[in-house]
Each structure stands twice: as structure tokens, then as C-alpha cells.
Protein backbone atom coordinates (compact mmCIF):
# COMPACT_ATOMS: atom_id res chain seq x y z
CA MET A 1 -0.06 0.08 -0.17
CA LEU A 2 1.06 3.42 -0.89
CA SER A 3 1.83 5.78 1.94
CA SER A 4 -0.19 9.07 2.12
CA GLU A 5 3.05 11.02 0.70
CA GLN A 6 3.76 8.49 -1.87
CA LEU A 7 -0.04 8.36 -3.23
CA THR A 8 0.19 12.12 -3.01
CA LYS A 9 2.82 12.30 -5.28
CA LEU A 10 1.69 9.83 -7.57
CA ALA A 11 -1.80 11.77 -7.99
CA THR A 12 0.29 15.17 -8.75
CA ALA A 13 1.72 13.41 -11.76
CA LEU A 14 -1.18 11.93 -13.27
CA GLY A 15 -2.83 15.83 -12.86
CA GLY A 16 -5.84 14.24 -10.16
CA LEU A 17 -6.37 14.30 -6.16
CA PRO A 18 -5.30 11.76 -4.03
CA VAL A 19 -8.03 9.90 -2.28
CA LEU A 20 -7.26 9.23 1.29
CA GLY A 21 -10.07 7.26 2.23
CA CYS A 22 -14.13 7.43 2.38
CA ARG A 23 -16.30 7.83 5.29
CA PRO A 24 -18.01 4.65 6.16
CA GLY A 25 -21.35 4.70 4.24
CA SER A 26 -20.78 7.65 1.90
CA PRO A 27 -21.92 7.80 -1.71
CA ALA A 28 -18.54 7.24 -2.98
CA ALA A 29 -17.69 4.63 -0.22
CA ARG A 30 -20.73 2.69 -1.22
CA ALA A 31 -19.64 2.81 -4.91
CA GLY A 32 -16.05 1.35 -3.93
CA VAL A 33 -13.98 4.19 -3.94
CA ARG A 34 -10.94 3.55 -1.53
CA TYR A 35 -7.69 4.69 -0.26
CA GLY A 36 -5.35 4.62 -2.80
CA ASP A 37 -7.22 5.77 -5.96
CA VAL A 38 -6.37 8.91 -7.52
CA LEU A 39 -9.55 11.12 -8.61
CA LEU A 40 -8.92 12.05 -12.32
CA SER A 41 -12.20 13.91 -12.95
CA VAL A 42 -15.78 14.92 -11.84
CA ASN A 43 -18.68 15.18 -14.33
CA GLY A 44 -15.95 15.35 -17.49
CA VAL A 45 -13.76 18.08 -15.70
CA PRO A 46 -10.45 17.06 -14.54
CA THR A 47 -9.40 17.77 -11.20
CA PRO A 48 -5.93 18.92 -10.53
CA ASP A 49 -7.00 20.53 -7.23
CA TRP A 50 -9.72 21.07 -4.53
CA GLN A 51 -11.26 23.96 -6.31
CA ALA A 52 -11.44 22.13 -9.70
CA TYR A 53 -13.20 19.39 -8.06
CA ILE A 54 -16.12 21.79 -5.95
CA GLU A 55 -16.86 23.58 -8.99
CA ALA A 56 -17.00 20.13 -11.38
CA ARG A 57 -19.20 18.92 -8.73
CA ALA A 58 -21.42 21.79 -8.69
CA LEU A 59 -22.41 21.30 -12.18
CA GLN A 60 -25.00 18.29 -10.99
CA LYS A 61 -26.34 17.89 -7.65
CA ALA A 62 -27.89 14.81 -7.46
CA GLN A 63 -25.32 12.62 -9.36
CA MET A 64 -21.63 12.95 -10.46
CA GLN A 65 -19.44 10.74 -12.32
CA ILE A 66 -15.96 10.16 -11.58
CA ALA A 67 -12.76 9.14 -12.89
CA ILE A 68 -10.14 7.26 -10.93
CA PHE A 69 -7.21 5.93 -11.38
CA ARG A 70 -6.59 2.52 -9.57
CA GLY A 71 -4.04 -0.26 -10.36
CA GLY A 72 -2.78 0.98 -13.82
CA GLU A 73 -6.08 1.77 -15.34
CA GLU A 74 -8.81 4.52 -15.36
CA ILE A 75 -12.48 3.65 -13.87
CA THR A 76 -15.27 5.34 -14.38
CA ILE A 77 -17.89 5.57 -11.68
CA ASP A 78 -21.00 7.12 -11.18
CA LEU A 79 -22.20 8.46 -7.86
CA VAL A 80 -25.73 9.34 -6.68
CA PHE A 81 -26.65 11.50 -3.66
CA ASP A 82 -28.89 13.06 -1.68
CA THR A 83 -29.94 16.17 -3.51
CA ASN A 84 -29.03 18.15 0.19
CA THR A 85 -25.49 16.96 0.13
CA THR A 86 -23.22 19.97 -0.55
CA PRO A 87 -19.73 19.71 -2.66
CA GLU A 88 -17.91 20.19 0.92
CA GLN A 89 -19.62 17.30 2.48
CA LEU A 90 -18.37 15.25 -0.51
CA LEU A 91 -15.10 16.36 -0.86
CA GLU A 92 -14.66 15.39 2.75
CA ALA A 93 -16.08 12.26 1.62
CA PHE A 94 -12.81 11.60 -0.53
CA LEU A 95 -10.54 12.59 2.60
CA ASN A 96 -9.30 10.66 5.68
CA SER A 97 -12.18 9.19 7.44
CA GLY A 98 -10.59 7.33 10.43
CA ASP A 99 -11.55 4.35 8.45
CA GLU A 100 -9.64 1.18 10.06
CA ASP A 101 -7.59 0.34 6.50
CA LEU A 102 -6.10 4.00 6.47
CA PRO A 103 -2.55 3.92 6.80
CA ASP A 104 -0.91 5.05 10.29
CA GLY A 105 -0.10 8.99 10.68
CA VAL A 106 -3.37 9.92 8.33
CA ASP A 107 -5.55 12.19 10.98
CA GLU A 108 -8.96 13.43 9.92
CA ALA A 109 -9.30 15.89 12.73
CA ASN A 110 -6.08 18.13 10.91
CA ALA A 111 -7.42 17.82 7.65
CA ASP A 112 -9.32 20.91 6.19
CA PRO A 113 -11.31 19.90 2.67
CA THR A 114 -10.90 23.42 1.76
CA ASP A 115 -7.06 24.12 2.42
CA PRO A 116 -4.96 21.41 0.48
CA SER A 117 -1.85 22.76 2.57
CA LYS A 118 -3.41 21.34 5.78
CA LEU A 119 -4.09 17.66 4.16
CA PRO A 120 -1.92 15.00 5.99
CA SER A 121 1.17 14.19 4.13
């Protein structure tokens, strides 16, 4: 398993965002998104940074299509949401969640989904 630092470097090289985990029961978790994935695009819009993610997510309220990189290939996943879910809540779902499968040192309490500089390294 890649460390969060290695995953972040891979995501940067691919022009995407590292998935550090999913909140249990979230639409992303139910769809199979997991630690180690790299989010490449949302609703057909590349996601090289969190601002791009938020803007792309805002294009559709009830659903989104994501492209992730996993195991050397690109996978497309359709997610359906409660229409009351905000883009910030969805972003948080892609951050670390305290899930038992997360690597040591990943601490959700210190992550700020709106400030990439505060993401765990």
C-alpha cells in the first residue's frame, strides 16, 4: 500500500487528487472508492486541485460521474447523492475518515477539505 506521501506524489503526477479514504456509508464508499485511488475528473472536468473538484461537482446536484485511477487503469463510477449534500461534504468523503484501512499517521481531525496545504502528508 502506498503511503499518503507516495499517493499524493502519484496523484500530482497524474493531474488528479489523492483519495485518502472515504467516510463509511458515503456515496463514494458505497460505490467502491477507496484509499489509494486517484480522482482524475468529476463530471468530465479534470480535477488537478480541490477548487476544480468543487466547481465540477457543482455542475450536477443529484449525481456525479468520476474517473479514478486504480491499479494502472482508469475506472469510471457514477455516484448518486441526496440532493441536500453539499460539494464540501462530498469533498470530505474523499478525504481521510478514520477508517481502519487507512495508513498510520492519517488524521482526519487535522485535514481541512478546503485547504490542500492542511491535508496530511
